[in-house]
Every structure is written in structure tokens, then in C-alpha cells.
């Protein structure tokens, strides 16, 4: 039995959003505010966060209810990262 391509796209979109979130979160956790390359790291983090937001938005368009709840948690966690980064500056 072939899987419904819609469900496959839904899962792929969710996985991309999850990966984007994890990338942004991981980068945030590695930034050291007094590092010589902090400015570069911060720019990279902002790019990762923006990309993760976009992937989450895309995934929300096709998400199941279970996925939607997780995606919304990702969004909230990203907002927290942005808040903490802004507090550093």
C-alpha cells in the first residue's frame, strides 16, 4: 500500500521544522557572549532562527493536530531564544 503523498509531505515538513529548530537551539547553546567571534555567531544564530521560523510556518500549513502542538512549542522556544539574545546585548 502506497502512503498518501500528502501525509509524506506533512511528515517531511514537520521534520524540516524540527531540524531547523534544533539547529537554532544548538547554536544558541554554544554561543559564548564574551567570545571574540560573538558578533559572527550572533548573525549566524539570527539566520538559523529565521530559517527555523520559516520551516515551522511551512509545516503548520499541513500539520496534524499533534504536529501543530509541537510546532507551536518550537515557536515559543524560538521566541525565548530571541528574548535571551536581545537581553545579552
PDB file of N, CA and C in Angstrom:
ATOM      1  N   UNK A   1       0.837  -1.192   0.000  1.00  0.00           N
ATOM      2  CA  UNK A   1       0.000   0.000   0.000  1.00  0.00           C
ATOM      3  C   UNK A   1       0.879   1.253   0.000  1.00  0.00           C
ATOM      4  N   UNK A   2       0.618   2.146  -0.909  1.00  0.00           N
ATOM      5  CA  UNK A   2       1.401   3.373  -1.001  1.00  0.00           C
ATOM      6  C   UNK A   2       0.889   4.399   0.004  1.00  0.00           C
ATOM      7  N   UNK A   3       1.841   5.086   0.602  1.00  0.00           N
ATOM      8  CA  UNK A   3       1.457   6.131   1.538  1.00  0.00           C
ATOM      9  C   UNK A   3       0.905   7.325   0.784  1.00  0.00           C
ATOM     10  N   UNK A   4      -0.001   7.986   1.411  1.00  0.00           N
ATOM     11  CA  UNK A   4      -0.569   9.199   0.856  1.00  0.00           C
ATOM     12  C   UNK A   4       0.532  10.254   0.739  1.00  0.00           C
ATOM     13  N   UNK A   5       0.767  10.804  -0.460  1.00  0.00           N
ATOM     14  CA  UNK A   5       1.834  11.798  -0.606  1.00  0.00           C
ATOM     15  C   UNK A   5       1.612  13.022   0.280  1.00  0.00           C
ATOM     16  N   UNK A   6       0.356  13.337   0.556  1.00  0.00           N
ATOM     17  CA  UNK A   6       0.057  14.466   1.442  1.00  0.00           C
ATOM     18  C   UNK A   6       0.633  14.200   2.828  1.00  0.00           C
ATOM     19  N   UNK A   7       0.445  12.983   3.342  1.00  0.00           N
ATOM     20  CA  UNK A   7       0.978  12.630   4.656  1.00  0.00           C
ATOM     21  C   UNK A   7       2.504  12.642   4.645  1.00  0.00           C
ATOM     22  N   UNK A   8       3.095  12.184   3.535  1.00  0.00           N
ATOM     23  CA  UNK A   8       4.552  12.196   3.418  1.00  0.00           C
ATOM     24  C   UNK A   8       5.052  13.639   3.462  1.00  0.00           C
ATOM     25  N   UNK A   9       4.390  14.541   2.735  1.00  0.00           N
ATOM     26  CA  UNK A   9       4.783  15.948   2.743  1.00  0.00           C
ATOM     27  C   UNK A   9       4.616  16.545   4.128  1.00  0.00           C
ATOM     28  N   UNK A  10       3.550  16.157   4.809  1.00  0.00           N
ATOM     29  CA  UNK A  10       3.284  16.640   6.160  1.00  0.00           C
ATOM     30  C   UNK A  10       4.424  16.236   7.088  1.00  0.00           C
ATOM     31  N   UNK A  11       4.837  14.972   6.981  1.00  0.00           N
ATOM     32  CA  UNK A  11       5.919  14.473   7.831  1.00  0.00           C
ATOM     33  C   UNK A  11       7.243  15.141   7.478  1.00  0.00           C
ATOM     34  N   UNK A  12       7.507  15.301   6.200  1.00  0.00           N
ATOM     35  CA  UNK A  12       8.754  15.944   5.771  1.00  0.00           C
ATOM     36  C   UNK A  12       8.796  17.398   6.225  1.00  0.00           C
ATOM     37  N   UNK A  13       7.673  18.083   6.132  1.00  0.00           N
ATOM     38  CA  UNK A  13       7.614  19.483   6.563  1.00  0.00           C
ATOM     39  C   UNK A  13       7.858  19.574   8.065  1.00  0.00           C
ATOM     40  N   UNK A  14       7.256  18.658   8.810  1.00  0.00           N
ATOM     41  CA  UNK A  14       7.457  18.646  10.256  1.00  0.00           C
ATOM     42  C   UNK A  14       8.914  18.368  10.596  1.00  0.00           C
ATOM     43  N   UNK A  15       9.502  17.390   9.922  1.00  0.00           N
ATOM     44  CA  UNK A  15      10.901  17.043  10.201  1.00  0.00           C
ATOM     45  C   UNK A  15      11.837  18.202   9.865  1.00  0.00           C
ATOM     46  N   UNK A  16      11.561  18.921   8.786  1.00  0.00           N
ATOM     47  CA  UNK A  16      12.384  20.078   8.422  1.00  0.00           C
ATOM     48  C   UNK A  16      12.263  21.159   9.486  1.00  0.00           C
ATOM     49  N   UNK A  17      11.051  21.377   9.973  1.00  0.00           N
ATOM     50  CA  UNK A  17      10.840  22.376  11.022  1.00  0.00           C
ATOM     51  C   UNK A  17      11.554  21.966  12.308  1.00  0.00           C
ATOM     52  N   UNK A  18      11.449  20.694  12.649  1.00  0.00           N
ATOM     53  CA  UNK A  18      12.098  20.195  13.856  1.00  0.00           C
ATOM     54  C   UNK A  18      13.617  20.346  13.746  1.00  0.00           C
ATOM     55  N   UNK A  19      14.166  20.002  12.589  1.00  0.00           N
ATOM     56  CA  UNK A  19      15.615  20.116  12.379  1.00  0.00           C
ATOM     57  C   UNK A  19      16.053  21.572  12.449  1.00  0.00           C
ATOM     58  N   UNK A  20      15.278  22.456  11.837  1.00  0.00           N
ATOM     59  CA  UNK A  20      15.610  23.879  11.882  1.00  0.00           C
ATOM     60  C   UNK A  20      15.605  24.408  13.300  1.00  0.00           C
ATOM     61  N   UNK A  21      14.605  24.001  14.061  1.00  0.00           N
ATOM     62  CA  UNK A  21      14.536  24.410  15.461  1.00  0.00           C
ATOM     63  C   UNK A  21      15.740  23.890  16.231  1.00  0.00           C
ATOM     64  N   UNK A  22      16.063  22.618  16.050  1.00  0.00           N
ATOM     65  CA  UNK A  22      17.187  22.016  16.771  1.00  0.00           C
ATOM     66  C   UNK A  22      18.508  22.675  16.393  1.00  0.00           C
ATOM     67  N   UNK A  23      18.657  23.042  15.114  1.00  0.00           N
ATOM     68  CA  UNK A  23      19.867  23.743  14.684  1.00  0.00           C
ATOM     69  C   UNK A  23      19.998  25.083  15.398  1.00  0.00           C
ATOM     70  N   UNK A  24      18.900  25.840  15.431  1.00  0.00           N
ATOM     71  CA  UNK A  24      18.917  27.155  16.075  1.00  0.00           C
ATOM     72  C   UNK A  24      19.174  27.008  17.570  1.00  0.00           C
ATOM     73  N   UNK A  25      18.509  26.058  18.195  1.00  0.00           N
ATOM     74  CA  UNK A  25      18.672  25.851  19.629  1.00  0.00           C
ATOM     75  C   UNK A  25      20.110  25.438  19.955  1.00  0.00           C
ATOM     76  N   UNK A  26      20.653  24.534  19.170  1.00  0.00           N
ATOM     77  CA  UNK A  26      22.020  24.081  19.396  1.00  0.00           C
ATOM     78  C   UNK A  26      23.023  25.207  19.249  1.00  0.00           C
ATOM     79  N   UNK A  27      22.837  26.039  18.247  1.00  0.00           N
ATOM     80  CA  UNK A  27      23.737  27.171  18.040  1.00  0.00           C
ATOM     81  C   UNK A  27      23.628  28.155  19.194  1.00  0.00           C
ATOM     82  N   UNK A  28      22.405  28.413  19.632  1.00  0.00           N
ATOM     83  CA  UNK A  28      22.201  29.314  20.767  1.00  0.00           C
ATOM     84  C   UNK A  28      22.952  28.812  21.991  1.00  0.00           C
ATOM     85  N   UNK A  29      22.888  27.521  22.226  1.00  0.00           N
ATOM     86  CA  UNK A  29      23.524  26.941  23.411  1.00  0.00           C
ATOM     87  C   UNK A  29      25.053  27.008  23.342  1.00  0.00           C
ATOM     88  N   UNK A  30      25.618  27.120  22.142  1.00  0.00           N
ATOM     89  CA  UNK A  30      27.076  27.153  22.010  1.00  0.00           C
ATOM     90  C   UNK A  30      27.653  28.564  22.014  1.00  0.00           C
ATOM     91  N   UNK A  31      26.806  29.580  21.869  1.00  0.00           N
ATOM     92  CA  UNK A  31      27.317  30.954  21.823  1.00  0.00           C
ATOM     93  C   UNK A  31      27.840  31.359  23.199  1.00  0.00           C
ATOM     94  N   UNK A  32      29.020  31.907  23.164  1.00  0.00           N
ATOM     95  CA  UNK A  32      29.624  32.451  24.384  1.00  0.00           C
ATOM     96  C   UNK A  32      29.664  33.964  24.195  1.00  0.00           C
ATOM     97  N   UNK A  33      28.987  34.676  25.084  1.00  0.00           N
ATOM     98  CA  UNK A  33      28.817  36.120  24.871  1.00  0.00           C
ATOM     99  C   UNK A  33      30.120  36.904  24.870  1.00  0.00           C
ATOM    100  N   UNK A  34      31.160  36.400  25.537  1.00  0.00           N
ATOM    101  CA  UNK A  34      32.423  37.142  25.556  1.00  0.00           C
ATOM    102  C   UNK A  34      33.417  36.608  24.522  1.00  0.00           C
ATOM    103  N   UNK A  35      32.950  35.759  23.638  1.00  0.00           N
ATOM    104  CA  UNK A  35      33.811  35.208  22.600  1.00  0.00           C
ATOM    105  C   UNK A  35      34.185  36.285  21.582  1.00  0.00           C
ATOM    106  N   UNK A  36      35.378  36.171  21.044  1.00  0.00           N
ATOM    107  CA  UNK A  36      35.836  37.124  20.031  1.00  0.00           C
ATOM    108  C   UNK A  36      34.956  37.074  18.780  1.00  0.00           C
ATOM    109  N   UNK A  37      34.377  35.917  18.503  1.00  0.00           N
ATOM    110  CA  UNK A  37      33.544  35.777  17.302  1.00  0.00           C
ATOM    111  C   UNK A  37      32.053  35.877  17.635  1.00  0.00           C
ATOM    112  N   UNK A  38      31.733  36.477  18.766  1.00  0.00           N
ATOM    113  CA  UNK A  38      30.333  36.564  19.207  1.00  0.00           C
ATOM    114  C   UNK A  38      29.440  37.215  18.157  1.00  0.00           C
ATOM    115  N   UNK A  39      29.914  38.323  17.583  1.00  0.00           N
ATOM    116  CA  UNK A  39      29.110  39.025  16.575  1.00  0.00           C
ATOM    117  C   UNK A  39      28.797  38.129  15.390  1.00  0.00           C
ATOM    118  N   UNK A  40      29.791  37.391  14.940  1.00  0.00           N
ATOM    119  CA  UNK A  40      29.595  36.461  13.822  1.00  0.00           C
ATOM    120  C   UNK A  40      28.629  35.351  14.227  1.00  0.00           C
ATOM    121  N   UNK A  41      28.827  34.814  15.435  1.00  0.00           N
ATOM    122  CA  UNK A  41      27.947  33.742  15.914  1.00  0.00           C
ATOM    123  C   UNK A  41      26.516  34.240  16.040  1.00  0.00           C
ATOM    124  N   UNK A  42      26.353  35.469  16.516  1.00  0.00           N
ATOM    125  CA  UNK A  42      25.019  36.038  16.687  1.00  0.00           C
ATOM    126  C   UNK A  42      24.322  36.183  15.337  1.00  0.00           C
ATOM    127  N   UNK A  43      25.053  36.640  14.340  1.00  0.00           N
ATOM    128  CA  UNK A  43      24.476  36.775  12.995  1.00  0.00           C
ATOM    129  C   UNK A  43      24.048  35.406  12.474  1.00  0.00           C
ATOM    130  N   UNK A  44      24.897  34.414  12.684  1.00  0.00           N
ATOM    131  CA  UNK A  44      24.583  33.053  12.250  1.00  0.00           C
ATOM    132  C   UNK A  44      23.338  32.539  12.981  1.00  0.00           C
ATOM    133  N   UNK A  45      23.253  32.811  14.271  1.00  0.00           N
ATOM    134  CA  UNK A  45      22.094  32.382  15.055  1.00  0.00           C
ATOM    135  C   UNK A  45      20.816  33.031  14.527  1.00  0.00           C
ATOM    136  N   UNK A  46      20.874  34.326  14.243  1.00  0.00           N
ATOM    137  CA  UNK A  46      19.694  35.026  13.726  1.00  0.00           C
ATOM    138  C   UNK A  46      19.231  34.392  12.416  1.00  0.00           C
ATOM    139  N   UNK A  47      20.188  34.039  11.557  1.00  0.00           N
ATOM    140  CA  UNK A  47      19.832  33.376  10.302  1.00  0.00           C
ATOM    141  C   UNK A  47      19.165  32.027  10.560  1.00  0.00           C
ATOM    142  N   UNK A  48      19.729  31.261  11.492  1.00  0.00           N
ATOM    143  CA  UNK A  48      19.166  29.948  11.833  1.00  0.00           C
ATOM    144  C   UNK A  48      17.757  30.088  12.412  1.00  0.00           C
ATOM    145  N   UNK A  49      17.569  31.067  13.281  1.00  0.00           N
ATOM    146  CA  UNK A  49      16.253  31.281  13.887  1.00  0.00           C
ATOM    147  C   UNK A  49      15.242  31.670  12.808  1.00  0.00           C
ATOM    148  N   UNK A  50      15.623  32.579  11.915  1.00  0.00           N
ATOM    149  CA  UNK A  50      14.714  32.979  10.836  1.00  0.00           C
ATOM    150  C   UNK A  50      14.357  31.799   9.945  1.00  0.00           C
ATOM    151  N   UNK A  51      15.348  30.979   9.639  1.00  0.00           N
ATOM    152  CA  UNK A  51      15.102  29.806   8.804  1.00  0.00           C
ATOM    153  C   UNK A  51      14.174  28.831   9.534  1.00  0.00           C
ATOM    154  N   UNK A  52      14.413  28.638  10.812  1.00  0.00           N
ATOM    155  CA  UNK A  52      13.568  27.736  11.600  1.00  0.00           C
ATOM    156  C   UNK A  52      12.132  28.252  11.646  1.00  0.00           C
ATOM    157  N   UNK A  53      11.956  29.561  11.848  1.00  0.00           N
ATOM    158  CA  UNK A  53      10.609  30.140  11.843  1.00  0.00           C
ATOM    159  C   UNK A  53       9.904  29.852  10.516  1.00  0.00           C
ATOM    160  N   UNK A  54      10.626  30.028   9.416  1.00  0.00           N
ATOM    161  CA  UNK A  54      10.034  29.798   8.093  1.00  0.00           C
ATOM    162  C   UNK A  54       9.645  28.328   7.919  1.00  0.00           C
ATOM    163  N   UNK A  55      10.512  27.424   8.346  1.00  0.00           N
ATOM    164  CA  UNK A  55      10.213  25.999   8.233  1.00  0.00           C
ATOM    165  C   UNK A  55       9.010  25.628   9.099  1.00  0.00           C
ATOM    166  N   UNK A  56       8.921  26.231  10.269  1.00  0.00           N
ATOM    167  CA  UNK A  56       7.782  25.969  11.148  1.00  0.00           C
ATOM    168  C   UNK A  56       6.499  26.484  10.507  1.00  0.00           C
ATOM    169  N   UNK A  57       6.545  27.690   9.955  1.00  0.00           N
ATOM    170  CA  UNK A  57       5.367  28.246   9.284  1.00  0.00           C
ATOM    171  C   UNK A  57       4.913  27.335   8.145  1.00  0.00           C
ATOM    172  N   UNK A  58       5.865  26.860   7.354  1.00  0.00           N
ATOM    173  CA  UNK A  58       5.532  25.954   6.247  1.00  0.00           C
ATOM    174  C   UNK A  58       4.889  24.671   6.773  1.00  0.00           C
ATOM    175  N   UNK A  59       5.458  24.125   7.837  1.00  0.00           N
ATOM    176  CA  UNK A  59       4.953  22.874   8.389  1.00  0.00           C
ATOM    177  C   UNK A  59       3.563  23.061   8.993  1.00  0.00           C
ATOM    178  N   UNK A  60       3.309  24.230   9.589  1.00  0.00           N
ATOM    179  CA  UNK A  60       1.999  24.490  10.195  1.00  0.00           C
ATOM    180  C   UNK A  60       0.879  24.448   9.156  1.00  0.00           C
ATOM    181  N   UNK A  61       1.202  24.757   7.922  1.00  0.00           N
ATOM    182  CA  UNK A  61       0.184  24.765   6.861  1.00  0.00           C
ATOM    183  C   UNK A  61      -0.384  23.377   6.604  1.00  0.00           C
ATOM    184  N   UNK A  62       0.400  22.343   6.896  1.00  0.00           N
ATOM    185  CA  UNK A  62      -0.043  20.973   6.585  1.00  0.00           C
ATOM    186  C   UNK A  62      -0.037  20.058   7.807  1.00  0.00           C
ATOM    187  N   UNK A  63       0.219  20.611   8.984  1.00  0.00           N
ATOM    188  CA  UNK A  63       0.448  19.794  10.175  1.00  0.00           C
ATOM    189  C   UNK A  63      -0.813  19.108  10.698  1.00  0.00           C
ATOM    190  N   UNK A  64      -0.599  17.931  11.280  1.00  0.00           N
ATOM    191  CA  UNK A  64      -1.663  17.269  12.034  1.00  0.00           C
ATOM    192  C   UNK A  64      -1.796  18.006  13.368  1.00  0.00           C
ATOM    193  N   UNK A  65      -2.820  17.677  14.131  1.00  0.00           N
ATOM    194  CA  UNK A  65      -3.018  18.331  15.427  1.00  0.00           C
ATOM    195  C   UNK A  65      -1.835  18.082  16.365  1.00  0.00           C
ATOM    196  N   UNK A  66      -1.341  16.855  16.384  1.00  0.00           N
ATOM    197  CA  UNK A  66      -0.199  16.515  17.242  1.00  0.00           C
ATOM    198  C   UNK A  66       1.028  17.304  16.819  1.00  0.00           C
ATOM    199  N   UNK A  67       1.281  17.339  15.508  1.00  0.00           N
ATOM    200  CA  UNK A  67       2.426  18.090  14.998  1.00  0.00           C
ATOM    201  C   UNK A  67       2.262  19.580  15.288  1.00  0.00           C
ATOM    202  N   UNK A  68       1.052  20.090  15.128  1.00  0.00           N
ATOM    203  CA  UNK A  68       0.787  21.513  15.348  1.00  0.00           C
ATOM    204  C   UNK A  68       1.171  21.920  16.775  1.00  0.00           C
ATOM    205  N   UNK A  69       0.811  21.091  17.750  1.00  0.00           N
ATOM    206  CA  UNK A  69       1.145  21.395  19.144  1.00  0.00           C
ATOM    207  C   UNK A  69       2.662  21.462  19.331  1.00  0.00           C
ATOM    208  N   UNK A  70       3.388  20.524  18.730  1.00  0.00           N
ATOM    209  CA  UNK A  70       4.849  20.514  18.847  1.00  0.00           C
ATOM    210  C   UNK A  70       5.460  21.714  18.125  1.00  0.00           C
ATOM    211  N   UNK A  71       4.945  22.023  16.957  1.00  0.00           N
ATOM    212  CA  UNK A  71       5.452  23.166  16.192  1.00  0.00           C
ATOM    213  C   UNK A  71       5.250  24.467  16.961  1.00  0.00           C
ATOM    214  N   UNK A  72       4.113  24.586  17.636  1.00  0.00           N
ATOM    215  CA  UNK A  72       3.857  25.787  18.423  1.00  0.00           C
ATOM    216  C   UNK A  72       4.815  25.869  19.606  1.00  0.00           C
ATOM    217  N   UNK A  73       5.196  24.714  20.181  1.00  0.00           N
ATOM    218  CA  UNK A  73       6.207  24.715  21.241  1.00  0.00           C
ATOM    219  C   UNK A  73       7.556  25.176  20.685  1.00  0.00           C
ATOM    220  N   UNK A  74       7.884  24.707  19.464  1.00  0.00           N
ATOM    221  CA  UNK A  74       9.126  25.154  18.829  1.00  0.00           C
ATOM    222  C   UNK A  74       9.116  26.678  18.682  1.00  0.00           C
ATOM    223  N   UNK A  75       7.987  27.222  18.210  1.00  0.00           N
ATOM    224  CA  UNK A  75       7.886  28.671  18.036  1.00  0.00           C
ATOM    225  C   UNK A  75       8.101  29.394  19.366  1.00  0.00           C
ATOM    226  N   UNK A  76       7.470  28.904  20.412  1.00  0.00           N
ATOM    227  CA  UNK A  76       7.624  29.537  21.726  1.00  0.00           C
ATOM    228  C   UNK A  76       9.061  29.469  22.207  1.00  0.00           C
ATOM    229  N   UNK A  77       9.716  28.336  21.984  1.00  0.00           N
ATOM    230  CA  UNK A  77      11.116  28.197  22.387  1.00  0.00           C
ATOM    231  C   UNK A  77      12.012  29.142  21.584  1.00  0.00           C
ATOM    232  N   UNK A  78      11.718  29.301  20.296  1.00  0.00           N
ATOM    233  CA  UNK A  78      12.496  30.236  19.476  1.00  0.00           C
ATOM    234  C   UNK A  78      12.308  31.666  19.975  1.00  0.00           C
ATOM    235  N   UNK A  79      11.071  32.010  20.353  1.00  0.00           N
ATOM    236  CA  UNK A  79      10.818  33.350  20.892  1.00  0.00           C
ATOM    237  C   UNK A  79      11.642  33.572  22.156  1.00  0.00           C
ATOM    238  N   UNK A  80      11.771  32.542  22.974  1.00  0.00           N
ATOM    239  CA  UNK A  80      12.565  32.637  24.197  1.00  0.00           C
ATOM    240  C   UNK A  80      14.048  32.854  23.867  1.00  0.00           C
ATOM    241  N   UNK A  81      14.534  32.143  22.854  1.00  0.00           N
ATOM    242  CA  UNK A  81      15.923  32.322  22.414  1.00  0.00           C
ATOM    243  C   UNK A  81      16.143  33.770  21.976  1.00  0.00           C
ATOM    244  N   UNK A  82      15.213  34.304  21.177  1.00  0.00           N
ATOM    245  CA  UNK A  82      15.338  35.684  20.691  1.00  0.00           C
ATOM    246  C   UNK A  82      15.350  36.654  21.875  1.00  0.00           C
ATOM    247  N   UNK A  83      14.471  36.426  22.835  1.00  0.00           N
ATOM    248  CA  UNK A  83      14.421  37.279  24.028  1.00  0.00           C
ATOM    249  C   UNK A  83      15.739  37.236  24.789  1.00  0.00           C
ATOM    250  N   UNK A  84      16.279  36.046  24.987  1.00  0.00           N
ATOM    251  CA  UNK A  84      17.537  35.905  25.725  1.00  0.00           C
ATOM    252  C   UNK A  84      18.697  36.549  24.976  1.00  0.00           C
ATOM    253  N   UNK A  85      18.726  36.395  23.654  1.00  0.00           N
ATOM    254  CA  UNK A  85      19.792  37.002  22.856  1.00  0.00           C
ATOM    255  C   UNK A  85      19.691  38.528  22.957  1.00  0.00           C
ATOM    256  N   UNK A  86      18.487  39.050  22.882  1.00  0.00           N
ATOM    257  CA  UNK A  86      18.300  40.500  22.995  1.00  0.00           C
ATOM    258  C   UNK A  86      18.718  41.007  24.362  1.00  0.00           C
ATOM    259  N   UNK A  87      18.552  40.197  25.395  1.00  0.00           N
ATOM    260  CA  UNK A  87      18.963  40.583  26.742  1.00  0.00           C
ATOM    261  C   UNK A  87      20.486  40.624  26.883  1.00  0.00           C
ATOM    262  N   UNK A  88      21.200  39.838  26.071  1.00  0.00           N
ATOM    263  CA  UNK A  88      22.671  39.830  26.097  1.00  0.00           C
ATOM    264  C   UNK A  88      23.223  41.176  25.661  1.00  0.00           C
ATOM    265  N   UNK A  89      22.527  41.802  24.725  1.00  0.00           N
ATOM    266  CA  UNK A  89      23.084  42.977  24.061  1.00  0.00           C
ATOM    267  C   UNK A  89      22.901  44.239  24.862  1.00  0.00           C
TER     268      UNK A  89
END
